[in-house]
Amino acid sequence: MRGMGCMVRIYADAKPVADLWRSEKVVMYLQEGDHIISASTCGGGVVDPANFAELHVFHADLPVIFDDWVERLAYADRLAATIAEFDLACDNVPPEWWWVDNGVPASFDRDSAREILGRFNDDNFWRVA
């Protein structure tokens, strides 16, 4: 991995896999079973809305969801139902998900995650695309 300076860092099961720039991709060959695939901006920076919309895996669908008021309301309802189950979901994840490796705890702040998920109530959330 290149380290700092990438646009997006890709993780598999909380372990960094690749640092990517625009138009780059990574192919992962994982063992059979359940895995958590995630991404973050490198260095923990703020996500640039233009880059988010361009690089999101469902970027072609974002305008349909964000610009259509009926779809937006439907997704807002889905997000509200999801957030209602957030604590229950966190309380029921497999214990190993709370650890990166060898006794190192995962850097997950439940309150911060809940706050981020709750941003769908803010009109700025829907201005990403």
N, C-alpha and C. Protein backbone atom coordinates (compact mmCIF):
# COMPACT_ATOMS: atom_id res chain seq x y z
N MET A 1 0.84 -1.18 0.00
CA MET A 1 0.00 0.00 0.00
C MET A 1 0.88 1.24 0.00
N ARG A 2 0.38 2.27 -0.63
CA ARG A 2 1.15 3.49 -0.76
C ARG A 2 1.19 4.33 0.51
N GLY A 3 0.23 4.15 1.38
CA GLY A 3 0.19 4.99 2.57
C GLY A 3 -0.64 6.22 2.32
N MET A 4 -0.27 7.31 2.96
CA MET A 4 -1.03 8.55 2.85
C MET A 4 -0.99 9.06 1.41
N GLY A 5 -1.99 9.81 1.06
CA GLY A 5 -2.03 10.39 -0.26
C GLY A 5 -2.98 9.68 -1.19
N CYS A 6 -3.55 8.56 -0.78
CA CYS A 6 -4.52 7.89 -1.62
C CYS A 6 -5.87 8.57 -1.46
N MET A 7 -6.82 8.22 -2.30
CA MET A 7 -8.17 8.77 -2.19
C MET A 7 -9.02 7.92 -1.24
N VAL A 8 -8.91 6.59 -1.40
CA VAL A 8 -9.75 5.68 -0.63
C VAL A 8 -8.92 4.49 -0.19
N ARG A 9 -9.09 4.11 1.06
CA ARG A 9 -8.44 2.91 1.58
C ARG A 9 -9.53 1.83 1.70
N ILE A 10 -9.25 0.66 1.14
CA ILE A 10 -10.19 -0.46 1.15
C ILE A 10 -9.77 -1.45 2.23
N TYR A 11 -10.75 -1.96 2.97
CA TYR A 11 -10.51 -2.91 4.05
C TYR A 11 -11.31 -4.18 3.79
N ALA A 12 -10.76 -5.30 4.18
CA ALA A 12 -11.47 -6.57 4.22
C ALA A 12 -11.34 -7.09 5.64
N ASP A 13 -12.47 -7.25 6.29
CA ASP A 13 -12.48 -7.72 7.68
C ASP A 13 -11.60 -6.85 8.57
N ALA A 14 -11.72 -5.55 8.40
CA ALA A 14 -11.04 -4.53 9.19
C ALA A 14 -9.53 -4.46 8.96
N LYS A 15 -9.03 -5.16 7.96
CA LYS A 15 -7.60 -5.12 7.64
C LYS A 15 -7.42 -4.36 6.32
N PRO A 16 -6.51 -3.37 6.28
CA PRO A 16 -6.30 -2.63 5.03
C PRO A 16 -5.85 -3.55 3.91
N VAL A 17 -6.47 -3.38 2.75
CA VAL A 17 -6.16 -4.22 1.60
C VAL A 17 -5.49 -3.41 0.50
N ALA A 18 -5.98 -2.19 0.25
CA ALA A 18 -5.45 -1.41 -0.86
C ALA A 18 -5.74 0.07 -0.65
N ASP A 19 -4.85 0.91 -1.16
CA ASP A 19 -5.07 2.34 -1.26
C ASP A 19 -5.30 2.63 -2.73
N LEU A 20 -6.40 3.28 -3.03
CA LEU A 20 -6.77 3.49 -4.43
C LEU A 20 -6.87 4.97 -4.78
N TRP A 21 -6.56 5.25 -6.03
CA TRP A 21 -6.77 6.55 -6.64
C TRP A 21 -7.92 6.42 -7.62
N ARG A 22 -8.35 7.52 -8.20
CA ARG A 22 -9.41 7.48 -9.21
C ARG A 22 -9.09 6.45 -10.28
N SER A 23 -10.12 5.82 -10.74
CA SER A 23 -10.04 4.86 -11.85
C SER A 23 -9.25 3.59 -11.52
N GLU A 24 -8.81 3.43 -10.28
CA GLU A 24 -8.15 2.19 -9.90
C GLU A 24 -9.16 1.26 -9.27
N LYS A 25 -8.86 -0.02 -9.30
CA LYS A 25 -9.71 -1.00 -8.65
C LYS A 25 -8.83 -2.03 -7.97
N VAL A 26 -9.46 -2.78 -7.11
CA VAL A 26 -8.76 -3.87 -6.45
C VAL A 26 -9.64 -5.11 -6.59
N VAL A 27 -9.02 -6.24 -6.82
CA VAL A 27 -9.71 -7.52 -6.86
C VAL A 27 -9.24 -8.30 -5.64
N MET A 28 -10.19 -8.76 -4.84
CA MET A 28 -9.84 -9.51 -3.63
C MET A 28 -10.27 -10.96 -3.80
N TYR A 29 -9.40 -11.85 -3.45
CA TYR A 29 -9.70 -13.28 -3.46
C TYR A 29 -9.76 -13.71 -2.00
N LEU A 30 -10.96 -13.77 -1.46
CA LEU A 30 -11.15 -14.06 -0.05
C LEU A 30 -11.61 -15.50 0.13
N GLN A 31 -11.31 -16.05 1.30
CA GLN A 31 -11.79 -17.39 1.60
C GLN A 31 -13.31 -17.37 1.64
N GLU A 32 -13.91 -18.51 1.35
CA GLU A 32 -15.35 -18.62 1.36
C GLU A 32 -15.88 -18.27 2.75
N GLY A 33 -16.98 -17.58 2.81
CA GLY A 33 -17.59 -17.21 4.08
C GLY A 33 -17.98 -15.74 4.08
N ASP A 34 -18.45 -15.28 5.21
CA ASP A 34 -18.87 -13.89 5.37
C ASP A 34 -17.67 -12.99 5.59
N HIS A 35 -17.71 -11.82 4.98
CA HIS A 35 -16.65 -10.84 5.13
C HIS A 35 -17.26 -9.46 5.21
N ILE A 36 -16.56 -8.54 5.85
CA ILE A 36 -16.97 -7.14 5.89
C ILE A 36 -16.00 -6.37 5.02
N ILE A 37 -16.54 -5.75 3.98
CA ILE A 37 -15.74 -4.93 3.08
C ILE A 37 -16.11 -3.49 3.36
N SER A 38 -15.12 -2.64 3.59
CA SER A 38 -15.40 -1.24 3.90
C SER A 38 -14.35 -0.36 3.24
N ALA A 39 -14.61 0.94 3.29
CA ALA A 39 -13.70 1.91 2.69
C ALA A 39 -13.72 3.18 3.52
N SER A 40 -12.62 3.89 3.49
CA SER A 40 -12.55 5.19 4.16
C SER A 40 -11.60 6.08 3.37
N THR A 41 -11.73 7.37 3.60
CA THR A 41 -10.76 8.27 2.99
C THR A 41 -9.43 8.03 3.66
N CYS A 42 -8.37 8.11 2.94
CA CYS A 42 -7.04 7.90 3.52
C CYS A 42 -6.71 9.03 4.48
N GLY A 43 -6.16 8.68 5.60
CA GLY A 43 -5.80 9.69 6.59
C GLY A 43 -7.00 10.18 7.38
N GLY A 44 -8.18 9.57 7.17
CA GLY A 44 -9.35 9.96 7.93
C GLY A 44 -9.88 11.32 7.58
N GLY A 45 -9.59 11.81 6.39
CA GLY A 45 -10.05 13.12 5.97
C GLY A 45 -11.54 13.17 5.72
N VAL A 46 -12.00 14.36 5.42
CA VAL A 46 -13.41 14.56 5.14
C VAL A 46 -13.68 14.10 3.72
N VAL A 47 -14.79 13.43 3.53
CA VAL A 47 -15.18 12.95 2.22
C VAL A 47 -15.64 14.14 1.38
N ASP A 48 -15.06 14.28 0.21
CA ASP A 48 -15.47 15.31 -0.73
C ASP A 48 -16.72 14.83 -1.45
N PRO A 49 -17.84 15.57 -1.39
CA PRO A 49 -19.08 15.12 -1.99
C PRO A 49 -18.95 14.77 -3.47
N ALA A 50 -18.19 15.54 -4.23
CA ALA A 50 -18.03 15.25 -5.65
C ALA A 50 -17.33 13.91 -5.84
N ASN A 51 -16.28 13.66 -5.07
CA ASN A 51 -15.58 12.38 -5.18
C ASN A 51 -16.46 11.24 -4.70
N PHE A 52 -17.22 11.48 -3.64
CA PHE A 52 -18.12 10.44 -3.13
C PHE A 52 -19.08 10.01 -4.23
N ALA A 53 -19.74 10.99 -4.85
CA ALA A 53 -20.72 10.67 -5.88
C ALA A 53 -20.06 9.97 -7.07
N GLU A 54 -18.86 10.38 -7.42
CA GLU A 54 -18.17 9.80 -8.57
C GLU A 54 -17.65 8.40 -8.29
N LEU A 55 -17.19 8.16 -7.06
CA LEU A 55 -16.52 6.90 -6.75
C LEU A 55 -17.41 5.86 -6.08
N HIS A 56 -18.59 6.25 -5.65
CA HIS A 56 -19.48 5.32 -4.95
C HIS A 56 -19.83 4.15 -5.85
N VAL A 57 -19.89 2.97 -5.26
CA VAL A 57 -20.15 1.76 -6.04
C VAL A 57 -21.47 1.86 -6.81
N PHE A 58 -22.45 2.57 -6.29
CA PHE A 58 -23.73 2.74 -6.96
C PHE A 58 -23.89 4.16 -7.51
N HIS A 59 -22.79 4.74 -7.98
CA HIS A 59 -22.82 6.14 -8.41
C HIS A 59 -23.88 6.42 -9.48
N ALA A 60 -24.14 5.47 -10.34
CA ALA A 60 -25.14 5.70 -11.39
C ALA A 60 -26.55 5.80 -10.81
N ASP A 61 -26.78 5.21 -9.65
CA ASP A 61 -28.11 5.23 -9.03
C ASP A 61 -28.34 6.43 -8.12
N LEU A 62 -27.28 7.13 -7.73
CA LEU A 62 -27.43 8.23 -6.78
C LEU A 62 -28.38 9.32 -7.25
N PRO A 63 -28.29 9.80 -8.48
CA PRO A 63 -29.24 10.84 -8.90
C PRO A 63 -30.70 10.38 -8.84
N VAL A 64 -30.93 9.12 -9.16
CA VAL A 64 -32.30 8.60 -9.11
C VAL A 64 -32.84 8.66 -7.68
N ILE A 65 -31.99 8.31 -6.73
CA ILE A 65 -32.41 8.28 -5.32
C ILE A 65 -32.46 9.69 -4.74
N PHE A 66 -31.42 10.47 -4.97
CA PHE A 66 -31.29 11.76 -4.30
C PHE A 66 -32.14 12.84 -4.93
N ASP A 67 -32.40 12.76 -6.23
CA ASP A 67 -33.15 13.82 -6.92
C ASP A 67 -34.64 13.55 -7.01
N ASP A 68 -35.04 12.33 -6.79
CA ASP A 68 -36.45 11.96 -6.86
C ASP A 68 -37.03 12.02 -5.44
N TRP A 69 -37.96 12.96 -5.22
CA TRP A 69 -38.49 13.17 -3.87
C TRP A 69 -39.20 11.93 -3.33
N VAL A 70 -39.89 11.19 -4.18
CA VAL A 70 -40.58 9.99 -3.72
C VAL A 70 -39.57 8.93 -3.30
N GLU A 71 -38.55 8.73 -4.13
CA GLU A 71 -37.49 7.77 -3.77
C GLU A 71 -36.76 8.22 -2.52
N ARG A 72 -36.50 9.49 -2.43
CA ARG A 72 -35.80 10.03 -1.27
C ARG A 72 -36.58 9.74 0.01
N LEU A 73 -37.89 9.97 -0.01
CA LEU A 73 -38.71 9.68 1.17
C LEU A 73 -38.72 8.20 1.49
N ALA A 74 -38.76 7.37 0.47
CA ALA A 74 -38.73 5.92 0.69
C ALA A 74 -37.41 5.51 1.34
N TYR A 75 -36.30 6.06 0.85
CA TYR A 75 -35.00 5.75 1.45
C TYR A 75 -34.88 6.33 2.85
N ALA A 76 -35.44 7.50 3.08
CA ALA A 76 -35.41 8.08 4.43
C ALA A 76 -36.16 7.17 5.40
N ASP A 77 -37.28 6.62 4.97
CA ASP A 77 -38.03 5.68 5.82
C ASP A 77 -37.20 4.42 6.10
N ARG A 78 -36.51 3.94 5.08
CA ARG A 78 -35.67 2.76 5.26
C ARG A 78 -34.51 3.05 6.22
N LEU A 79 -33.91 4.23 6.08
CA LEU A 79 -32.82 4.60 6.98
C LEU A 79 -33.31 4.76 8.41
N ALA A 80 -34.48 5.35 8.58
CA ALA A 80 -35.04 5.50 9.93
C ALA A 80 -35.28 4.13 10.57
N ALA A 81 -35.80 3.19 9.81
CA ALA A 81 -36.02 1.84 10.34
C ALA A 81 -34.70 1.16 10.68
N THR A 82 -33.69 1.40 9.86
CA THR A 82 -32.36 0.81 10.10
C THR A 82 -31.75 1.38 11.38
N ILE A 83 -31.83 2.68 11.54
CA ILE A 83 -31.25 3.32 12.72
C ILE A 83 -31.97 2.87 13.99
N ALA A 84 -33.26 2.61 13.87
CA ALA A 84 -34.01 2.11 15.03
C ALA A 84 -33.46 0.78 15.52
N GLU A 85 -32.84 0.02 14.64
CA GLU A 85 -32.28 -1.29 14.99
C GLU A 85 -30.77 -1.24 15.21
N PHE A 86 -30.18 -0.04 15.15
CA PHE A 86 -28.73 0.10 15.20
C PHE A 86 -28.13 -0.52 16.47
N ASP A 87 -28.64 -0.16 17.63
CA ASP A 87 -28.05 -0.67 18.88
C ASP A 87 -28.23 -2.18 18.99
N LEU A 88 -29.39 -2.68 18.58
CA LEU A 88 -29.62 -4.12 18.61
C LEU A 88 -28.61 -4.83 17.70
N ALA A 89 -28.37 -4.25 16.53
CA ALA A 89 -27.40 -4.85 15.60
C ALA A 89 -26.00 -4.84 16.22
N CYS A 90 -25.62 -3.71 16.80
CA CYS A 90 -24.28 -3.63 17.43
C CYS A 90 -24.15 -4.61 18.58
N ASP A 91 -25.22 -4.80 19.32
CA ASP A 91 -25.18 -5.71 20.46
C ASP A 91 -25.11 -7.18 20.04
N ASN A 92 -25.42 -7.46 18.77
CA ASN A 92 -25.50 -8.84 18.33
C ASN A 92 -24.49 -9.23 17.25
N VAL A 93 -23.52 -8.38 16.99
CA VAL A 93 -22.48 -8.78 16.03
C VAL A 93 -21.59 -9.82 16.68
N PRO A 94 -20.97 -10.65 15.87
CA PRO A 94 -20.05 -11.64 16.45
C PRO A 94 -18.94 -10.93 17.23
N PRO A 95 -18.57 -11.45 18.38
CA PRO A 95 -17.55 -10.79 19.22
C PRO A 95 -16.24 -10.49 18.49
N GLU A 96 -15.86 -11.34 17.55
CA GLU A 96 -14.59 -11.11 16.85
C GLU A 96 -14.62 -9.87 15.98
N TRP A 97 -15.78 -9.34 15.65
CA TRP A 97 -15.87 -8.12 14.84
C TRP A 97 -15.38 -6.89 15.60
N TRP A 98 -15.31 -6.96 16.91
CA TRP A 98 -14.87 -5.83 17.72
C TRP A 98 -13.35 -5.78 17.86
N TRP A 99 -12.65 -6.70 17.19
CA TRP A 99 -11.20 -6.77 17.30
C TRP A 99 -10.58 -6.80 15.92
N VAL A 100 -9.48 -6.08 15.74
CA VAL A 100 -8.78 -6.07 14.46
C VAL A 100 -7.97 -7.34 14.33
N ASP A 101 -7.12 -7.60 15.30
CA ASP A 101 -6.27 -8.78 15.28
C ASP A 101 -5.44 -8.81 16.55
N ASN A 102 -5.14 -9.99 17.03
CA ASN A 102 -4.24 -10.17 18.17
C ASN A 102 -4.55 -9.24 19.35
N GLY A 103 -5.81 -9.13 19.71
CA GLY A 103 -6.18 -8.33 20.88
C GLY A 103 -6.23 -6.84 20.65
N VAL A 104 -6.12 -6.38 19.41
CA VAL A 104 -6.20 -4.95 19.11
C VAL A 104 -7.66 -4.62 18.83
N PRO A 105 -8.26 -3.73 19.63
CA PRO A 105 -9.68 -3.43 19.42
C PRO A 105 -9.90 -2.65 18.12
N ALA A 106 -11.02 -2.92 17.50
CA ALA A 106 -11.41 -2.17 16.29
C ALA A 106 -11.71 -0.73 16.70
N SER A 107 -11.37 0.20 15.83
CA SER A 107 -11.62 1.61 16.14
C SER A 107 -13.03 1.96 15.65
N PHE A 108 -14.00 1.59 16.45
CA PHE A 108 -15.40 1.84 16.12
C PHE A 108 -16.03 2.57 17.28
N ASP A 109 -16.56 3.74 17.01
CA ASP A 109 -17.24 4.54 18.01
C ASP A 109 -18.73 4.49 17.70
N ARG A 110 -19.45 3.76 18.50
CA ARG A 110 -20.88 3.54 18.27
C ARG A 110 -21.64 4.86 18.19
N ASP A 111 -21.35 5.79 19.09
CA ASP A 111 -22.06 7.07 19.09
C ASP A 111 -21.77 7.87 17.83
N SER A 112 -20.51 7.88 17.39
CA SER A 112 -20.16 8.59 16.16
C SER A 112 -20.84 7.95 14.95
N ALA A 113 -20.85 6.63 14.91
CA ALA A 113 -21.50 5.93 13.79
C ALA A 113 -23.00 6.25 13.75
N ARG A 114 -23.63 6.24 14.92
CA ARG A 114 -25.06 6.55 14.99
C ARG A 114 -25.32 7.98 14.52
N GLU A 115 -24.44 8.90 14.92
CA GLU A 115 -24.60 10.31 14.51
C GLU A 115 -24.46 10.44 13.00
N ILE A 116 -23.50 9.76 12.42
CA ILE A 116 -23.30 9.82 10.97
C ILE A 116 -24.52 9.24 10.25
N LEU A 117 -24.99 8.10 10.72
CA LEU A 117 -26.16 7.49 10.09
C LEU A 117 -27.40 8.37 10.20
N GLY A 118 -27.49 9.12 11.29
CA GLY A 118 -28.65 9.99 11.50
C GLY A 118 -28.66 11.24 10.64
N ARG A 119 -27.62 11.46 9.89
CA ARG A 119 -27.56 12.67 9.06
C ARG A 119 -28.56 12.67 7.92
N PHE A 120 -29.21 11.56 7.67
CA PHE A 120 -30.19 11.54 6.59
C PHE A 120 -31.34 12.51 6.87
N ASN A 121 -31.48 12.95 8.12
CA ASN A 121 -32.52 13.93 8.46
C ASN A 121 -32.12 15.35 8.06
N ASP A 122 -30.88 15.53 7.67
CA ASP A 122 -30.38 16.84 7.26
C ASP A 122 -30.43 16.95 5.74
N ASP A 123 -30.94 18.06 5.23
CA ASP A 123 -31.04 18.24 3.78
C ASP A 123 -29.68 18.16 3.09
N ASN A 124 -28.60 18.49 3.78
CA ASN A 124 -27.27 18.41 3.16
C ASN A 124 -26.90 16.98 2.80
N PHE A 125 -27.43 16.03 3.54
CA PHE A 125 -27.17 14.62 3.24
C PHE A 125 -27.59 14.30 1.81
N TRP A 126 -28.69 14.84 1.39
CA TRP A 126 -29.28 14.52 0.08
C TRP A 126 -28.68 15.37 -1.03
N ARG A 127 -27.72 16.21 -0.74
CA ARG A 127 -27.07 17.03 -1.76
C ARG A 127 -25.75 16.44 -2.25
N VAL A 128 -25.46 15.23 -1.89
CA VAL A 128 -24.19 14.62 -2.24
C VAL A 128 -24.10 14.37 -3.74
N ALA A 129 -25.17 13.90 -4.32
CA ALA A 129 -25.13 13.53 -5.75
C ALA A 129 -25.36 14.74 -6.63
